[in-house]
Amino acid sequence: MDNIITIYVLSDSIGETGEQVARAAVSQFTPDKYEIIRFPYITDEEQINEVLEEAKNGNSMIIYTIVIEKLRDYLVEKTGELNIPTVDLMTPTINAIEQILGTKPKRESGIIRRLDEKYFKKVEAVEFAVKYDDGKDARGIKKADIVLIGVSRTSKTPLSMYLAHKYFKVANVPLVPEVGVPDELFEKDPKRVFGLIANPFKLNEIRQERLKSLGLSNNANYASIERINYELEYSKKIMEKLNCMVIDVSNKAVEETAGIIIDQMKANFGDEIL
């Protein structure tokens, strides 16, 4: 018998896993010639029949990652009739996990790819939050799903990062009376802008702790009640001018504030929030 083999990889998704396993396995041998042919997105029995018509001639085997039971059972039946060796990469592992967890698998194709897409979307959102944190670049305002504004120590940065892990691209802009507000902020849809305020005495405590951590005197103007009240009044005027939603974060955890923002985004944009 010729030292030649053709491996057909069938999948109801992209078939990348099956192809990688096939290449890893065949590398353990030294065939004169081998070919790996991938058939992704198998959705009906006719597609399987076309592959089997080709596979039944010559030294062939089939590796498959098909989780849709109807298609998998049909493939097993037909390859058995044709005496074509097959390897099921998914079922033994799925069955073992089902036995441990005591729950049924979803049997949906392409889930891992969707999970990968979500992962990279999260990474992109986190990188965005870092890049456009603390008003570093006003161009981020135009690109952002959400823009947070507020005076110093109103949780803009932690909130940006938390929302980024929910796949939102967030830019935050500090409001300082001596620094002009970026024009881009007034061009942004106010439904995507959220103003953060806090009790001045709460801010006073937080700012004093911040100064202490930096080794500075807590008597600095930055932490004085008068200065904080001045900044808050300024920020409220800006928020009123923008006509954006205002949230008092004084006694709220980041998660709670984020929940309010996400609920409001859903109310504003429905399924188009991202």
Protein backbone atom coordinates (compact mmCIF):
# COMPACT_ATOMS: atom_id res chain seq x y z
CA MET A 1 0.00 0.00 0.00
CA ASP A 2 1.29 3.44 -0.93
CA ASN A 3 2.55 5.53 1.98
CA ILE A 4 0.07 8.30 1.10
CA ILE A 5 -2.79 9.67 3.17
CA THR A 6 -5.51 12.27 2.78
CA ILE A 7 -7.09 13.66 5.93
CA TYR A 8 -10.46 15.35 5.58
CA VAL A 9 -11.33 17.79 8.35
CA LEU A 10 -15.05 18.46 8.72
CA SER A 11 -16.53 21.08 11.02
CA ASP A 12 -19.77 22.95 11.57
CA SER A 13 -17.54 25.91 12.47
CA ILE A 14 -14.22 26.95 10.86
CA GLY A 15 -12.43 23.63 11.44
CA GLU A 16 -9.19 25.17 12.67
CA THR A 17 -8.95 22.86 15.70
CA GLY A 18 -9.37 19.76 13.57
CA GLU A 19 -6.72 20.87 11.10
CA GLN A 20 -4.21 21.59 13.88
CA VAL A 21 -4.76 18.15 15.39
CA ALA A 22 -4.40 16.53 11.96
CA ARG A 23 -1.09 18.30 11.33
CA ALA A 24 0.21 17.43 14.79
CA ALA A 25 -0.71 13.76 14.33
CA VAL A 26 0.67 13.33 10.81
CA SER A 27 3.95 14.93 11.90
CA GLN A 28 4.57 11.81 13.98
CA PHE A 29 4.86 9.78 10.76
CA THR A 30 6.82 10.07 7.53
CA PRO A 31 4.31 9.55 4.75
CA ASP A 32 5.53 9.94 1.18
CA LYS A 33 2.73 12.40 0.69
CA TYR A 34 -0.12 13.70 2.80
CA GLU A 35 -2.86 16.21 2.26
CA ILE A 36 -5.15 17.86 4.77
CA ILE A 37 -8.36 19.22 3.30
CA ARG A 38 -10.59 21.33 5.48
CA PHE A 39 -14.35 21.56 4.95
CA PRO A 40 -15.72 24.26 7.29
CA TYR A 41 -19.31 25.30 7.99
CA ILE A 42 -20.94 21.92 7.38
CA THR A 43 -24.65 22.61 7.74
CA ASP A 44 -26.42 19.76 5.93
CA GLU A 45 -26.13 16.11 4.97
CA GLU A 46 -25.55 16.85 1.30
CA GLN A 47 -22.25 18.56 2.12
CA ILE A 48 -21.18 15.46 4.04
CA ASN A 49 -22.14 13.25 1.07
CA GLU A 50 -19.94 15.30 -1.25
CA VAL A 51 -16.93 14.85 1.04
CA LEU A 52 -17.56 11.11 1.40
CA GLU A 53 -17.77 10.64 -2.36
CA GLU A 54 -14.23 11.96 -2.53
CA ALA A 55 -12.95 10.32 0.64
CA LYS A 56 -14.05 6.77 -0.19
CA ASN A 57 -11.37 6.49 -2.86
CA GLY A 58 -7.80 6.07 -1.61
CA ASN A 59 -6.14 6.13 1.80
CA SER A 60 -8.38 8.57 3.61
CA MET A 61 -9.59 9.34 7.07
CA ILE A 62 -11.92 11.94 8.53
CA ILE A 63 -11.35 14.13 11.58
CA TYR A 64 -14.38 16.09 12.65
CA THR A 65 -15.44 18.72 15.15
CA ILE A 66 -19.18 18.64 14.60
CA VAL A 67 -21.31 19.38 17.67
CA ILE A 68 -24.72 19.37 15.95
CA GLU A 69 -25.94 15.88 16.84
CA LYS A 70 -27.99 15.23 13.70
CA LEU A 71 -25.03 15.92 11.41
CA ARG A 72 -22.57 14.06 13.62
CA ASP A 73 -24.78 10.94 13.74
CA TYR A 74 -25.25 11.02 9.97
CA LEU A 75 -21.50 11.27 9.42
CA VAL A 76 -20.82 8.35 11.79
CA GLU A 77 -23.43 6.21 10.04
CA LYS A 78 -22.15 6.90 6.52
CA THR A 79 -18.44 6.55 7.31
CA GLY A 80 -19.25 3.24 9.00
CA GLU A 81 -20.97 2.00 5.84
CA LEU A 82 -17.98 3.07 3.72
CA ASN A 83 -15.43 1.79 6.23
CA ILE A 84 -13.68 5.18 6.40
CA PRO A 85 -11.71 5.72 9.65
CA THR A 86 -13.02 8.69 11.61
CA VAL A 87 -11.94 10.59 14.70
CA ASP A 88 -14.44 12.61 16.75
CA LEU A 89 -12.48 15.33 18.55
CA MET A 90 -15.34 16.91 20.46
CA THR A 91 -17.80 14.29 21.74
CA PRO A 92 -15.61 12.48 24.32
CA THR A 93 -14.58 15.77 25.93
CA ILE A 94 -18.11 17.17 25.86
CA ASN A 95 -19.49 13.98 27.40
CA ALA A 96 -16.88 14.08 30.18
CA ILE A 97 -17.69 17.72 31.02
CA GLU A 98 -21.42 16.96 30.91
CA GLN A 99 -20.89 14.12 33.39
CA ILE A 100 -18.94 16.35 35.77
CA LEU A 101 -21.24 19.39 35.61
CA GLY A 102 -24.49 17.49 35.28
CA THR A 103 -25.77 19.89 32.63
CA LYS A 104 -26.42 19.48 28.92
CA PRO A 105 -24.08 21.12 26.35
CA LYS A 106 -25.40 23.90 24.13
CA ARG A 107 -24.58 22.03 20.91
CA GLU A 108 -24.02 25.33 19.10
CA SER A 109 -21.37 25.67 16.42
CA GLY A 110 -18.78 28.47 16.43
CA ILE A 111 -19.11 29.40 20.14
CA ILE A 112 -15.35 29.52 20.72
CA ARG A 113 -14.93 31.95 17.86
CA ARG A 114 -17.57 34.23 19.32
CA LEU A 115 -15.82 34.03 22.69
CA ASP A 116 -12.52 34.98 21.04
CA GLU A 117 -14.19 37.95 19.37
CA LYS A 118 -15.53 39.11 22.74
CA TYR A 119 -12.10 38.76 24.31
CA PHE A 120 -10.43 40.92 21.69
CA LYS A 121 -13.24 43.44 21.88
CA LYS A 122 -12.64 43.71 25.63
CA VAL A 123 -8.89 44.17 25.12
CA GLU A 124 -9.58 46.89 22.57
CA ALA A 125 -11.92 48.67 24.98
CA VAL A 126 -9.39 48.52 27.83
CA GLU A 127 -6.64 49.90 25.59
CA PHE A 128 -9.01 52.67 24.53
CA ALA A 129 -9.77 53.57 28.15
CA VAL A 130 -6.05 53.81 28.94
CA LYS A 131 -5.29 55.87 25.85
CA TYR A 132 -8.07 58.38 26.45
CA ASP A 133 -7.92 58.52 30.24
CA ASP A 134 -7.96 61.85 32.06
CA GLY A 135 -8.44 63.95 28.91
CA LYS A 136 -5.10 62.90 27.40
CA ASP A 137 -6.41 63.22 23.87
CA ALA A 138 -9.67 64.99 23.04
CA ARG A 139 -9.95 63.00 19.81
CA GLY A 140 -11.08 60.06 21.90
CA ILE A 141 -14.32 61.87 22.72
CA LYS A 142 -15.57 61.44 19.15
CA LYS A 143 -14.70 57.73 19.05
CA ALA A 144 -16.01 56.83 22.51
CA ASP A 145 -19.19 54.90 23.23
CA ILE A 146 -19.36 56.71 26.57
CA VAL A 147 -17.74 59.90 27.84
CA LEU A 148 -17.38 60.51 31.57
CA ILE A 149 -16.84 64.00 32.92
CA GLY A 150 -16.31 65.31 36.43
CA VAL A 151 -13.91 66.95 38.84
CA SER A 152 -10.89 65.15 40.23
CA ARG A 153 -11.53 62.01 42.36
CA THR A 154 -15.06 61.30 41.17
CA SER A 155 -14.04 57.76 40.09
CA LYS A 156 -13.74 58.54 36.38
CA THR A 157 -10.77 56.25 35.75
CA PRO A 158 -11.93 53.14 37.68
CA LEU A 159 -15.36 53.55 36.15
CA SER A 160 -13.84 53.79 32.67
CA MET A 161 -11.92 50.57 33.25
CA TYR A 162 -14.95 48.76 34.65
CA LEU A 163 -17.07 49.77 31.64
CA ALA A 164 -14.23 48.73 29.32
CA HIS A 165 -14.53 45.21 30.73
CA LYS A 166 -18.18 45.41 29.66
CA TYR A 167 -16.91 46.14 26.10
CA PHE A 168 -17.59 49.90 26.13
CA LYS A 169 -14.99 52.30 24.74
CA VAL A 170 -14.84 55.05 27.35
CA ALA A 171 -13.07 58.40 27.37
CA ASN A 172 -13.02 60.52 30.50
CA VAL A 173 -12.46 64.23 30.79
CA PRO A 174 -11.54 66.08 34.01
CA LEU A 175 -13.37 69.35 34.60
CA VAL A 176 -11.03 72.01 35.93
CA PRO A 177 -12.15 75.67 36.07
CA GLU A 178 -8.76 76.92 34.88
CA VAL A 179 -8.69 74.54 31.89
CA GLY A 180 -11.00 74.93 28.92
CA VAL A 181 -13.47 72.21 28.03
CA PRO A 182 -12.64 70.49 24.72
CA ASP A 183 -14.88 71.56 21.82
CA GLU A 184 -15.37 67.88 21.00
CA LEU A 185 -17.38 67.49 24.19
CA PHE A 186 -20.05 69.89 22.97
CA GLU A 187 -20.18 68.07 19.63
CA LYS A 188 -20.84 64.71 21.29
CA ASP A 189 -24.31 63.21 21.55
CA PRO A 190 -25.31 64.22 25.13
CA LYS A 191 -26.94 60.80 25.55
CA ARG A 192 -23.44 59.33 25.55
CA VAL A 193 -22.05 61.80 28.10
CA PHE A 194 -22.35 61.21 31.85
CA GLY A 195 -21.48 63.79 34.48
CA LEU A 196 -20.13 62.58 37.83
CA ILE A 197 -20.52 64.62 40.99
CA ALA A 198 -19.98 63.86 44.67
CA ASN A 199 -20.59 65.26 48.13
CA PRO A 200 -17.90 67.91 48.78
CA PHE A 201 -17.06 66.47 52.21
CA LYS A 202 -16.62 63.02 50.68
CA LEU A 203 -14.33 64.51 48.04
CA ASN A 204 -12.45 66.35 50.75
CA GLU A 205 -11.69 63.05 52.52
CA ILE A 206 -10.64 61.32 49.29
CA ARG A 207 -8.41 64.19 48.19
CA GLN A 208 -6.73 64.42 51.57
CA GLU A 209 -5.92 60.72 51.39
CA ARG A 210 -4.59 61.23 47.89
CA LEU A 211 -2.29 64.02 49.03
CA LYS A 212 -1.13 61.90 51.95
CA SER A 213 -0.25 59.02 49.61
CA LEU A 214 1.83 61.42 47.54
CA GLY A 215 3.64 62.69 50.65
CA LEU A 216 2.10 66.16 50.34
CA SER A 217 0.44 68.36 52.93
CA ASN A 218 -3.30 67.78 53.23
CA ASN A 219 -3.72 71.52 53.69
CA ALA A 220 -3.18 72.10 49.97
CA ASN A 221 -5.83 74.09 48.13
CA TYR A 222 -6.67 70.95 46.11
CA ALA A 223 -8.32 69.40 49.17
CA SER A 224 -10.00 72.46 50.66
CA ILE A 225 -13.78 72.52 50.91
CA GLU A 226 -13.89 75.97 49.31
CA ARG A 227 -11.93 74.78 46.28
CA ILE A 228 -13.99 71.62 45.96
CA ASN A 229 -17.28 73.53 46.10
CA TYR A 230 -15.96 75.91 43.46
CA GLU A 231 -15.01 73.03 41.17
CA LEU A 232 -18.33 71.27 41.70
CA GLU A 233 -20.33 74.38 40.86
CA TYR A 234 -18.24 74.83 37.72
CA SER A 235 -18.74 71.18 36.72
CA LYS A 236 -22.50 71.35 37.26
CA LYS A 237 -22.73 74.37 34.94
CA ILE A 238 -20.85 72.47 32.24
CA MET A 239 -23.08 69.43 32.69
CA GLU A 240 -26.20 71.60 32.53
CA LYS A 241 -24.90 73.20 29.35
CA LEU A 242 -24.24 69.76 27.84
CA ASN A 243 -27.66 68.53 28.99
CA CYS A 244 -26.13 65.20 29.99
CA MET A 245 -27.17 62.76 32.70
CA VAL A 246 -25.65 63.57 36.10
CA ILE A 247 -24.86 60.87 38.66
CA ASP A 248 -23.93 61.47 42.29
CA VAL A 249 -21.25 58.87 43.05
CA SER A 250 -20.81 59.81 46.72
CA ASN A 251 -22.06 56.57 48.22
CA LYS A 252 -22.00 54.34 45.16
CA ALA A 253 -19.63 51.52 44.32
CA VAL A 254 -18.12 51.61 40.84
CA GLU A 255 -20.28 48.62 39.88
CA GLU A 256 -23.44 50.46 40.92
CA THR A 257 -22.59 53.58 38.93
CA ALA A 258 -21.67 51.45 35.92
CA GLY A 259 -25.01 49.68 36.18
CA ILE A 260 -26.85 53.00 36.09
CA ILE A 261 -24.89 54.08 33.01
CA ILE A 262 -25.41 50.80 31.17
CA ASP A 263 -29.15 50.84 31.93
CA GLN A 264 -29.38 54.39 30.63
CA MET A 265 -27.42 53.48 27.49
CA LYS A 266 -29.84 50.63 26.86
CA ALA A 267 -32.77 52.99 27.35
CA ASN A 268 -31.20 55.50 24.95
CA PHE A 269 -29.94 53.17 22.25
CA GLY A 270 -31.51 49.74 22.77
CA ASP A 271 -29.44 47.02 21.13
CA GLU A 272 -27.26 49.64 19.43
CA ILE A 273 -25.45 50.62 22.63
CA LEU A 274 -22.06 49.46 21.31
